[in-house]
Amino acid sequence: MILGNQLMVSSYHIGEHQRLAQQYEKMEQWIDSNGYESSGECYERYVVDYWATRNEKEFVTEIMIPIERK
């Protein structure tokens, strides 16, 4: 994904916010194994959260990490 001129890795996490760290770990592994490195602040976009449902298993969070070639 490219946001403006910034190359980004993007992923959707479905489930509780407490498990977001596991998704970040998977994304960081992909970034490293594909010759990239993180290059700035990460972004989280809450697509489905408490405003839409009280069932945390239905939460949807988009995670975006800016990257650049090593």
N, C-alpha and C. Protein backbone atom coordinates (compact mmCIF):
# COMPACT_ATOMS: atom_id res chain seq x y z
N MET A 1 0.85 -1.18 0.00
CA MET A 1 0.00 0.00 0.00
C MET A 1 0.89 1.24 0.00
N ILE A 2 0.52 2.25 -0.76
CA ILE A 2 1.25 3.51 -0.76
C ILE A 2 0.29 4.60 -0.32
N LEU A 3 0.67 5.33 0.73
CA LEU A 3 -0.13 6.43 1.25
C LEU A 3 0.65 7.70 0.97
N GLY A 4 0.14 8.52 0.05
CA GLY A 4 0.92 9.66 -0.42
C GLY A 4 2.14 9.12 -1.14
N ASN A 5 3.32 9.49 -0.71
CA ASN A 5 4.56 8.94 -1.25
C ASN A 5 5.16 7.90 -0.33
N GLN A 6 4.45 7.54 0.74
CA GLN A 6 4.98 6.63 1.75
C GLN A 6 4.52 5.20 1.47
N LEU A 7 5.46 4.28 1.39
CA LEU A 7 5.16 2.86 1.25
C LEU A 7 4.73 2.32 2.60
N MET A 8 3.63 1.56 2.64
CA MET A 8 3.09 1.05 3.90
C MET A 8 2.80 -0.44 3.80
N VAL A 9 2.95 -1.12 4.93
CA VAL A 9 2.43 -2.47 5.08
C VAL A 9 1.12 -2.30 5.83
N SER A 10 0.07 -2.95 5.33
CA SER A 10 -1.25 -2.81 5.92
C SER A 10 -1.85 -4.17 6.20
N SER A 11 -2.57 -4.28 7.30
CA SER A 11 -3.20 -5.54 7.67
C SER A 11 -4.44 -5.26 8.49
N TYR A 12 -5.41 -6.15 8.38
CA TYR A 12 -6.61 -6.05 9.22
C TYR A 12 -6.52 -7.08 10.32
N HIS A 13 -6.79 -6.64 11.54
CA HIS A 13 -6.86 -7.53 12.70
C HIS A 13 -8.32 -7.66 13.09
N ILE A 14 -8.78 -8.89 13.22
CA ILE A 14 -10.15 -9.14 13.66
C ILE A 14 -10.09 -9.75 15.04
N GLY A 15 -10.72 -9.08 16.01
CA GLY A 15 -10.73 -9.59 17.37
C GLY A 15 -10.38 -8.52 18.39
N GLU A 16 -10.12 -8.98 19.59
CA GLU A 16 -9.88 -8.10 20.72
C GLU A 16 -8.64 -7.21 20.51
N HIS A 17 -8.74 -5.99 21.01
CA HIS A 17 -7.61 -5.06 20.90
C HIS A 17 -6.40 -5.56 21.70
N GLN A 18 -6.62 -6.36 22.74
CA GLN A 18 -5.52 -6.88 23.54
C GLN A 18 -4.59 -7.78 22.71
N ARG A 19 -5.05 -8.27 21.59
CA ARG A 19 -4.25 -9.16 20.75
C ARG A 19 -3.58 -8.44 19.57
N LEU A 20 -3.67 -7.13 19.53
CA LEU A 20 -3.04 -6.37 18.44
C LEU A 20 -1.53 -6.59 18.37
N ALA A 21 -0.89 -6.74 19.52
CA ALA A 21 0.57 -6.93 19.54
C ALA A 21 0.99 -8.14 18.72
N GLN A 22 0.19 -9.18 18.71
CA GLN A 22 0.52 -10.38 17.93
C GLN A 22 0.49 -10.06 16.43
N GLN A 23 -0.45 -9.24 16.00
CA GLN A 23 -0.51 -8.85 14.59
C GLN A 23 0.68 -7.99 14.22
N TYR A 24 1.07 -7.08 15.11
CA TYR A 24 2.25 -6.25 14.86
C TYR A 24 3.49 -7.13 14.72
N GLU A 25 3.63 -8.15 15.55
CA GLU A 25 4.78 -9.06 15.47
C GLU A 25 4.82 -9.76 14.11
N LYS A 26 3.69 -10.24 13.63
CA LYS A 26 3.63 -10.90 12.32
C LYS A 26 4.02 -9.93 11.21
N MET A 27 3.53 -8.71 11.31
CA MET A 27 3.85 -7.71 10.30
C MET A 27 5.34 -7.36 10.32
N GLU A 28 5.91 -7.21 11.52
CA GLU A 28 7.34 -6.91 11.63
C GLU A 28 8.19 -8.05 11.07
N GLN A 29 7.77 -9.28 11.27
CA GLN A 29 8.49 -10.43 10.70
C GLN A 29 8.44 -10.37 9.18
N TRP A 30 7.28 -10.04 8.61
CA TRP A 30 7.17 -9.93 7.15
C TRP A 30 8.07 -8.82 6.65
N ILE A 31 8.04 -7.67 7.32
CA ILE A 31 8.85 -6.52 6.92
C ILE A 31 10.32 -6.92 6.88
N ASP A 32 10.80 -7.54 7.93
CA ASP A 32 12.21 -7.93 8.02
C ASP A 32 12.58 -8.98 6.98
N SER A 33 11.75 -9.98 6.81
CA SER A 33 12.09 -11.08 5.90
C SER A 33 11.97 -10.70 4.43
N ASN A 34 11.38 -9.53 4.13
CA ASN A 34 11.24 -9.09 2.75
C ASN A 34 12.12 -7.89 2.41
N GLY A 35 13.12 -7.62 3.27
CA GLY A 35 14.10 -6.60 2.95
C GLY A 35 13.69 -5.17 3.23
N TYR A 36 12.75 -4.98 4.13
CA TYR A 36 12.31 -3.64 4.50
C TYR A 36 12.62 -3.37 5.97
N GLU A 37 12.38 -2.12 6.36
CA GLU A 37 12.44 -1.76 7.77
C GLU A 37 11.36 -0.72 8.04
N SER A 38 10.89 -0.68 9.27
CA SER A 38 9.90 0.32 9.67
C SER A 38 10.53 1.70 9.57
N SER A 39 9.73 2.69 9.17
CA SER A 39 10.33 4.01 8.95
C SER A 39 9.49 5.16 9.50
N GLY A 40 8.70 4.90 10.52
CA GLY A 40 7.91 5.98 11.08
C GLY A 40 6.84 5.47 12.01
N GLU A 41 5.94 6.36 12.38
CA GLU A 41 4.87 6.00 13.29
C GLU A 41 3.85 5.08 12.63
N CYS A 42 3.36 4.13 13.39
CA CYS A 42 2.31 3.23 12.93
C CYS A 42 0.96 3.90 13.11
N TYR A 43 -0.01 3.45 12.32
CA TYR A 43 -1.36 3.97 12.41
C TYR A 43 -2.33 2.83 12.65
N GLU A 44 -3.34 3.08 13.46
CA GLU A 44 -4.42 2.13 13.67
C GLU A 44 -5.73 2.82 13.32
N ARG A 45 -6.53 2.15 12.52
CA ARG A 45 -7.85 2.67 12.15
C ARG A 45 -8.87 1.66 12.64
N TYR A 46 -9.73 2.10 13.53
CA TYR A 46 -10.73 1.21 14.12
C TYR A 46 -11.96 1.17 13.23
N VAL A 47 -12.07 0.13 12.44
CA VAL A 47 -13.16 -0.01 11.47
C VAL A 47 -14.45 -0.39 12.19
N VAL A 48 -14.36 -1.38 13.07
CA VAL A 48 -15.49 -1.80 13.92
C VAL A 48 -14.97 -1.84 15.35
N ASP A 49 -15.58 -1.07 16.24
CA ASP A 49 -15.15 -1.04 17.64
C ASP A 49 -16.37 -0.91 18.54
N TYR A 50 -16.17 -0.39 19.74
CA TYR A 50 -17.25 -0.29 20.72
C TYR A 50 -18.47 0.49 20.23
N TRP A 51 -18.26 1.39 19.28
CA TRP A 51 -19.39 2.18 18.77
C TRP A 51 -20.33 1.32 17.94
N ALA A 52 -19.81 0.21 17.36
CA ALA A 52 -20.63 -0.63 16.50
C ALA A 52 -21.09 -1.93 17.17
N THR A 53 -20.28 -2.45 18.12
CA THR A 53 -20.61 -3.72 18.76
C THR A 53 -19.96 -3.79 20.14
N ARG A 54 -20.55 -4.52 21.00
CA ARG A 54 -19.95 -4.77 22.33
C ARG A 54 -19.20 -6.09 22.32
N ASN A 55 -19.31 -6.86 21.24
CA ASN A 55 -18.62 -8.14 21.12
C ASN A 55 -17.20 -7.89 20.60
N GLU A 56 -16.21 -7.97 21.48
CA GLU A 56 -14.83 -7.68 21.10
C GLU A 56 -14.29 -8.60 20.02
N LYS A 57 -14.84 -9.79 19.89
CA LYS A 57 -14.39 -10.72 18.84
C LYS A 57 -14.77 -10.24 17.45
N GLU A 58 -15.67 -9.26 17.36
CA GLU A 58 -16.10 -8.71 16.08
C GLU A 58 -15.37 -7.42 15.72
N PHE A 59 -14.48 -6.95 16.58
CA PHE A 59 -13.74 -5.73 16.30
C PHE A 59 -12.87 -5.93 15.05
N VAL A 60 -12.74 -4.88 14.25
CA VAL A 60 -11.87 -4.89 13.08
C VAL A 60 -10.98 -3.66 13.17
N THR A 61 -9.66 -3.88 13.14
CA THR A 61 -8.69 -2.79 13.23
C THR A 61 -7.73 -2.90 12.06
N GLU A 62 -7.57 -1.81 11.32
CA GLU A 62 -6.57 -1.78 10.26
C GLU A 62 -5.28 -1.22 10.86
N ILE A 63 -4.19 -1.92 10.62
CA ILE A 63 -2.87 -1.49 11.09
C ILE A 63 -2.04 -1.12 9.86
N MET A 64 -1.41 0.05 9.91
CA MET A 64 -0.56 0.51 8.81
C MET A 64 0.81 0.88 9.38
N ILE A 65 1.85 0.30 8.80
CA ILE A 65 3.22 0.56 9.23
C ILE A 65 4.01 1.10 8.04
N PRO A 66 4.54 2.32 8.14
CA PRO A 66 5.37 2.85 7.05
C PRO A 66 6.69 2.08 6.97
N ILE A 67 7.12 1.81 5.75
CA ILE A 67 8.35 1.03 5.54
C ILE A 67 9.21 1.67 4.46
N GLU A 68 10.48 1.22 4.45
CA GLU A 68 11.40 1.58 3.37
C GLU A 68 12.39 0.45 3.19
N ARG A 69 13.02 0.38 2.03
CA ARG A 69 14.02 -0.65 1.76
C ARG A 69 15.21 -0.48 2.68
N LYS A 70 15.79 -1.60 3.10
CA LYS A 70 17.00 -1.57 3.94
C LYS A 70 18.16 -1.07 3.12
